[in-house]
Amino acid sequence: SQGSDGGGSLRGPAFCCGLVGMKAARGRVSFSPVGERLNGLAINGPLGRTVADTAALLDALSGYELGDPYWLPDPNPSFLAGLKTPPQPLRIGYATRLDPIGDADPVCRQAIYETVQQVEDLGHTAEEVTFPNLEDLIEPFVVVWECVLAEVGVPWIVLEKMNRWLYWRAWRINSGAYLRAVAKLQQVARQIVRFCHPYDVLILPVYMHPAIRVGEWKNLRSPQILENVINWVAPCPPFNASGQPALAIPRGFDANGVPVGVQLVGRSADEATLLALAAQLEQANPWSHQRPAFADQGDS
């Protein structure tokens, strides 16, 4: 399936549903015939059950369209063909904590530790890292999102409570504040790319805790919901800002049968290494057949 990711909207559903979700590198997939989305934060990509399916769809989606503001050269070999060759030993960093949010849920931390052990068994090297503090990213990211929400063309009266609140907040933001937010995101993006550059891949949480129950936050006030969302999805937006490719892969289930996973983040424009490593992990621990116990209840 194809989707877009402006803050985790491919990686998050993959995490919550036990799928593979790739936020491609900025410029890999065209937004033609429309302009760029969210000042370049939103990036299209594939969602699949296996790494091969995901790579094949990324091949189909990729490419330049006349008039694109930026683009990347076609991969050679293709992303799917590249899976036939295991990656050379990689230098991998990993983190289970993101400041100022804090530590990921124990289930998400355990998924990372198990993945780290597996990549080391595959011949790669891994070291724990301290990811840059996200304090300077959060406010400008929210500002850009609010302003885009106000311009989607949907009448405010039909918006849900949370989106309606963000809509009216956006109308209080002037053009200067918006441009400053965009500039700040670009500055933070440079810091993120600089931090990641020594590593072939970073292993991070996708979300900071497993999926919530439907309606779990429905009685909360909008400011609290926004804070909860920021804290939950924190590992995703940094790479919308930086434009780096990021891939969510399944890593089993928690004690309640809810899917969990990890996020693999690559260097700029290097989806191929992420997909090759993910294919190695999938071959060592296949996941496409795995289903939570409660999924079988509907078959009886």
Protein backbone atom coordinates (compact mmCIF):
# COMPACT_ATOMS: atom_id res chain seq x y z
CA SER A 1 0.00 0.00 0.00
CA GLN A 2 1.12 3.57 -0.67
CA GLY A 3 0.94 6.33 1.91
CA SER A 4 2.46 9.60 3.04
CA ASP A 5 4.38 10.35 6.21
CA GLY A 6 4.49 13.87 7.59
CA GLY A 7 5.31 12.92 11.18
CA GLY A 8 5.01 9.14 11.33
CA SER A 9 1.88 8.34 9.30
CA LEU A 10 3.53 5.39 7.54
CA ARG A 11 5.84 4.21 10.30
CA GLY A 12 3.21 4.51 13.03
CA PRO A 13 0.56 2.34 11.35
CA ALA A 14 3.29 -0.19 10.52
CA PHE A 15 4.33 -0.24 14.18
CA CYS A 16 0.75 -0.64 15.40
CA CYS A 17 -0.17 -3.34 12.85
CA GLY A 18 2.96 -5.48 12.55
CA LEU A 19 3.89 -4.24 9.07
CA VAL A 20 6.90 -2.79 7.26
CA GLY A 21 6.59 0.95 6.65
CA MET A 22 9.12 3.09 4.78
CA LYS A 23 9.28 6.86 4.91
CA ALA A 24 11.41 7.34 1.84
CA ALA A 25 14.15 9.94 1.61
CA ARG A 26 13.04 13.43 0.64
CA GLY A 27 13.02 13.68 -3.14
CA ARG A 28 12.70 9.95 -3.74
CA VAL A 29 8.97 9.94 -4.51
CA SER A 30 7.33 12.79 -6.41
CA PHE A 31 4.27 14.65 -5.13
CA SER A 32 3.32 15.52 -8.71
CA PRO A 33 1.04 17.08 -9.82
CA VAL A 34 0.79 19.06 -6.56
CA GLY A 35 3.54 20.95 -4.77
CA GLU A 36 5.60 19.79 -1.81
CA ARG A 37 3.67 18.93 1.32
CA LEU A 38 4.30 20.44 4.75
CA ASN A 39 7.37 22.35 3.51
CA GLY A 40 9.02 19.06 2.64
CA LEU A 41 8.17 17.31 5.92
CA ALA A 42 5.67 14.95 4.26
CA ILE A 43 7.19 12.20 2.14
CA ASN A 44 5.46 9.37 0.30
CA GLY A 45 6.44 5.74 0.68
CA PRO A 46 5.32 2.10 0.79
CA LEU A 47 3.68 -0.08 3.43
CA GLY A 48 3.90 -3.88 3.14
CA ARG A 49 3.97 -7.22 4.92
CA THR A 50 7.51 -8.09 3.84
CA VAL A 51 10.68 -6.18 3.08
CA ALA A 52 10.63 -7.43 -0.53
CA ASP A 53 7.08 -6.18 -1.07
CA THR A 54 8.04 -2.83 0.41
CA ALA A 55 11.17 -2.55 -1.75
CA ALA A 56 9.25 -3.46 -4.91
CA LEU A 57 6.61 -0.80 -4.28
CA LEU A 58 9.29 1.79 -3.52
CA ASP A 59 10.83 0.99 -6.91
CA ALA A 60 7.46 1.57 -8.54
CA LEU A 61 6.84 4.85 -6.69
CA SER A 62 10.30 6.36 -7.11
CA GLY A 63 11.35 8.73 -9.83
CA TYR A 64 11.47 12.29 -11.08
CA GLU A 65 8.40 14.06 -12.42
CA LEU A 66 8.79 17.17 -14.54
CA GLY A 67 8.90 20.25 -12.33
CA ASP A 68 9.76 18.54 -9.03
CA PRO A 69 11.55 21.03 -6.73
CA TYR A 70 14.10 18.37 -5.76
CA TRP A 71 14.71 14.73 -6.63
CA LEU A 72 17.13 11.84 -6.18
CA PRO A 73 18.76 9.70 -8.88
CA ASP A 74 17.25 6.29 -9.56
CA PRO A 75 18.78 3.50 -7.45
CA ASN A 76 21.22 1.17 -9.20
CA PRO A 77 20.52 -1.66 -8.70
CA SER A 78 16.83 -1.32 -7.93
CA PHE A 79 15.77 -1.50 -4.29
CA LEU A 80 14.30 -4.97 -4.83
CA ALA A 81 17.35 -6.30 -6.66
CA GLY A 82 19.58 -4.87 -3.94
CA LEU A 83 18.06 -7.25 -1.40
CA LYS A 84 19.89 -10.15 -3.05
CA THR A 85 23.22 -8.88 -1.68
CA PRO A 86 23.62 -8.81 2.12
CA PRO A 87 25.13 -5.57 3.39
CA GLN A 88 28.77 -5.37 4.36
CA PRO A 89 29.39 -5.10 8.13
CA LEU A 90 27.65 -1.94 9.29
CA ARG A 91 28.32 0.55 12.06
CA ILE A 92 25.03 0.87 13.93
CA GLY A 93 23.98 3.21 16.72
CA TYR A 94 20.99 2.65 18.96
CA ALA A 95 19.05 4.60 21.58
CA THR A 96 16.09 3.86 23.83
CA ARG A 97 15.80 7.35 25.29
CA LEU A 98 14.84 10.62 23.62
CA ASP A 99 15.13 13.82 25.62
CA PRO A 100 13.14 15.75 26.71
CA ILE A 101 10.58 12.92 26.44
CA GLY A 102 12.48 10.32 28.44
CA ASP A 103 12.82 6.54 28.18
CA ALA A 104 10.76 4.42 25.83
CA ASP A 105 8.31 1.92 27.31
CA PRO A 106 10.07 -1.26 28.56
CA VAL A 107 8.46 -3.30 25.76
CA CYS A 108 9.87 -0.94 23.13
CA ARG A 109 13.28 -0.90 24.80
CA GLN A 110 13.35 -4.69 24.83
CA ALA A 111 12.53 -4.78 21.12
CA ILE A 112 15.55 -2.56 20.47
CA TYR A 113 17.87 -4.64 22.67
CA GLU A 114 16.79 -7.83 20.89
CA THR A 115 17.35 -6.19 17.51
CA VAL A 116 20.79 -4.99 18.57
CA GLN A 117 21.72 -8.51 19.64
CA GLN A 118 20.53 -9.85 16.32
CA VAL A 119 22.48 -7.35 14.20
CA GLU A 120 25.61 -8.17 16.20
CA ASP A 121 25.00 -11.87 15.56
CA LEU A 122 24.82 -10.99 11.85
CA GLY A 123 28.31 -9.48 11.99
CA HIS A 124 27.53 -5.78 12.43
CA THR A 125 28.80 -3.56 15.25
CA ALA A 126 26.41 -1.65 17.50
CA GLU A 127 26.93 1.03 20.12
CA GLU A 128 24.56 2.96 22.32
CA VAL A 129 24.24 6.65 21.46
CA THR A 130 22.68 9.73 23.03
CA PHE A 131 20.31 11.20 20.46
CA PRO A 132 20.20 15.03 20.24
CA ASN A 133 17.66 16.70 22.52
CA LEU A 134 14.41 17.33 20.65
CA GLU A 135 13.40 20.42 22.65
CA ASP A 136 14.13 22.78 19.75
CA LEU A 137 12.24 20.60 17.27
CA ILE A 138 8.88 20.25 18.96
CA GLU A 139 7.48 23.79 18.87
CA PRO A 140 8.35 24.65 15.24
CA PHE A 141 7.14 21.25 14.08
CA VAL A 142 3.76 21.81 15.73
CA VAL A 143 3.55 25.34 14.27
CA VAL A 144 4.05 24.05 10.72
CA TRP A 145 1.51 21.27 11.23
CA GLU A 146 -1.09 23.65 12.67
CA CYS A 147 -0.75 26.09 9.79
CA VAL A 148 -1.11 23.38 7.17
CA LEU A 149 -4.20 22.05 8.94
CA ALA A 150 -5.76 25.50 8.68
CA GLU A 151 -5.27 25.47 4.90
CA VAL A 152 -6.48 21.98 3.93
CA GLY A 153 -9.82 23.34 2.80
CA VAL A 154 -11.98 21.45 5.30
CA PRO A 155 -14.57 23.63 7.11
CA TRP A 156 -13.61 23.93 10.76
CA ILE A 157 -17.11 22.97 11.88
CA VAL A 158 -16.67 19.37 10.64
CA LEU A 159 -13.28 18.87 12.31
CA GLU A 160 -12.96 16.70 15.40
CA LYS A 161 -12.34 18.42 18.72
CA MET A 162 -8.56 18.13 18.65
CA ASN A 163 -8.15 19.26 15.05
CA ARG A 164 -10.59 22.12 15.57
CA TRP A 165 -8.49 23.37 18.48
CA LEU A 166 -5.33 23.21 16.35
CA TYR A 167 -7.16 24.95 13.50
CA TRP A 168 -8.01 27.98 15.62
CA ARG A 169 -4.53 28.07 17.17
CA ALA A 170 -3.11 28.29 13.65
CA TRP A 171 -5.12 31.40 12.82
CA ARG A 172 -3.22 33.23 15.58
CA ILE A 173 0.15 32.49 13.95
CA ASN A 174 1.41 35.27 11.68
CA SER A 175 3.49 34.73 8.55
CA GLY A 176 6.71 35.78 10.26
CA ALA A 177 6.26 33.20 13.01
CA TYR A 178 5.57 30.53 10.41
CA LEU A 179 8.71 31.35 8.42
CA ARG A 180 10.78 31.36 11.62
CA ALA A 181 9.40 27.92 12.47
CA VAL A 182 10.38 26.57 9.04
CA ALA A 183 13.87 28.05 9.37
CA LYS A 184 14.27 26.55 12.85
CA LEU A 185 13.28 23.12 11.59
CA GLN A 186 15.90 23.37 8.87
CA GLN A 187 18.56 24.28 11.45
CA VAL A 188 17.59 21.37 13.70
CA ALA A 189 17.57 19.07 10.67
CA ARG A 190 21.21 19.87 10.00
CA GLN A 191 22.09 18.91 13.58
CA ILE A 192 20.24 15.61 13.24
CA VAL A 193 21.93 14.70 9.96
CA ARG A 194 25.33 15.64 11.37
CA PHE A 195 24.74 13.43 14.41
CA CYS A 196 23.60 10.46 12.33
CA HIS A 197 26.30 10.67 9.67
CA PRO A 198 28.97 8.52 11.40
CA TYR A 199 26.54 5.58 11.48
CA ASP A 200 25.25 3.48 8.62
CA VAL A 201 22.01 2.86 10.52
CA LEU A 202 20.39 4.01 13.76
CA ILE A 203 17.99 1.74 15.65
CA LEU A 204 15.35 3.71 17.57
CA PRO A 205 11.81 3.24 18.83
CA VAL A 206 9.06 3.87 16.30
CA TYR A 207 6.70 5.17 18.98
CA MET A 208 7.57 5.49 22.66
CA HIS A 209 4.96 2.95 23.79
CA PRO A 210 2.66 0.39 22.12
CA ALA A 211 -0.68 1.31 20.57
CA ILE A 212 -3.34 2.82 22.83
CA ARG A 213 -6.92 1.58 23.05
CA VAL A 214 -9.53 3.18 20.82
CA GLY A 215 -11.00 6.14 22.69
CA GLU A 216 -8.41 6.02 25.46
CA TRP A 217 -7.81 9.78 25.28
CA LYS A 218 -11.30 10.88 24.24
CA ASN A 219 -12.16 12.54 27.57
CA LEU A 220 -8.91 14.51 27.78
CA ARG A 221 -8.71 18.21 26.99
CA SER A 222 -7.04 19.12 23.69
CA PRO A 223 -3.78 20.49 25.21
CA GLN A 224 -3.28 17.21 27.08
CA ILE A 225 -4.01 15.17 23.96
CA LEU A 226 -1.43 17.18 22.03
CA GLU A 227 1.15 16.59 24.75
CA ASN A 228 0.36 12.87 24.75
CA VAL A 229 0.71 12.66 20.98
CA ILE A 230 4.03 14.52 21.03
CA ASN A 231 5.39 12.19 23.69
CA TRP A 232 4.11 9.07 21.93
CA VAL A 233 5.31 9.71 18.37
CA ALA A 234 8.53 11.55 19.32
CA PRO A 235 10.97 9.25 17.44
CA CYS A 236 9.33 9.91 14.05
CA PRO A 237 9.25 13.70 13.36
CA PRO A 238 13.05 14.25 13.56
CA PHE A 239 13.46 12.40 10.27
CA ASN A 240 10.63 14.24 8.56
CA ALA A 241 12.62 17.36 9.38
CA SER A 242 15.95 15.90 8.23
CA GLY A 243 14.57 14.12 5.15
CA GLN A 244 16.45 10.92 5.98
CA PRO A 245 14.88 7.57 5.11
CA ALA A 246 13.35 5.71 8.04
CA LEU A 247 11.89 2.20 8.12
CA ALA A 248 9.59 0.61 10.70
CA ILE A 249 9.84 -3.18 10.99
CA PRO A 250 7.92 -5.65 13.20
CA ARG A 251 9.52 -7.20 16.27
CA GLY A 252 6.73 -9.36 17.66
CA PHE A 253 4.02 -8.59 20.21
CA ASP A 254 3.70 -7.36 23.77
CA ALA A 255 2.05 -9.36 26.56
CA ASN A 256 -1.39 -8.20 25.39
CA GLY A 257 -0.81 -9.34 21.83
CA VAL A 258 -0.28 -5.80 20.53
CA PRO A 259 2.38 -5.49 17.78
CA VAL A 260 5.67 -3.78 18.55
CA GLY A 261 8.57 -2.86 16.30
CA VAL A 262 11.69 -0.79 15.85
CA GLN A 263 12.73 2.03 13.54
CA LEU A 264 15.79 1.85 11.31
CA VAL A 265 17.11 5.24 10.21
CA GLY A 266 19.62 5.64 7.40
CA ARG A 267 21.94 8.24 6.01
CA SER A 268 20.46 10.77 3.63
CA ALA A 269 19.17 9.13 0.42
CA ASP A 270 20.29 5.65 1.53
CA GLU A 271 17.12 3.55 1.63
CA ALA A 272 19.08 0.65 0.13
CA THR A 273 21.10 -0.02 3.29
CA LEU A 274 17.97 0.09 5.47
CA LEU A 275 16.15 -2.37 3.24
CA ALA A 276 19.16 -4.70 3.03
CA LEU A 277 19.56 -4.78 6.82
CA ALA A 278 15.81 -5.25 7.31
CA ALA A 279 15.88 -8.17 4.85
CA GLN A 280 18.67 -9.77 6.89
CA LEU A 281 16.65 -9.38 10.08
CA GLU A 282 13.53 -10.74 8.40
CA GLN A 283 15.38 -13.79 7.07
CA ALA A 284 16.73 -14.51 10.55
CA ASN A 285 13.35 -13.99 12.20
CA PRO A 286 10.48 -14.11 9.64
CA TRP A 287 7.44 -12.09 10.61
CA SER A 288 4.95 -12.04 7.72
CA HIS A 289 3.12 -15.10 9.09
CA GLN A 290 2.89 -13.79 12.66
CA ARG A 291 -0.53 -12.80 13.97
CA PRO A 292 -1.62 -11.74 17.47
CA ALA A 293 -3.58 -14.39 19.35
CA PHE A 294 -6.76 -12.33 19.36
CA ALA A 295 -6.73 -12.15 15.53
CA ASP A 296 -7.60 -15.86 15.40
CA GLN A 297 -10.72 -15.38 17.50
CA GLY A 298 -12.60 -14.17 14.43
CA ASP A 299 -11.78 -17.40 12.56
CA SER A 300 -13.63 -19.67 14.97
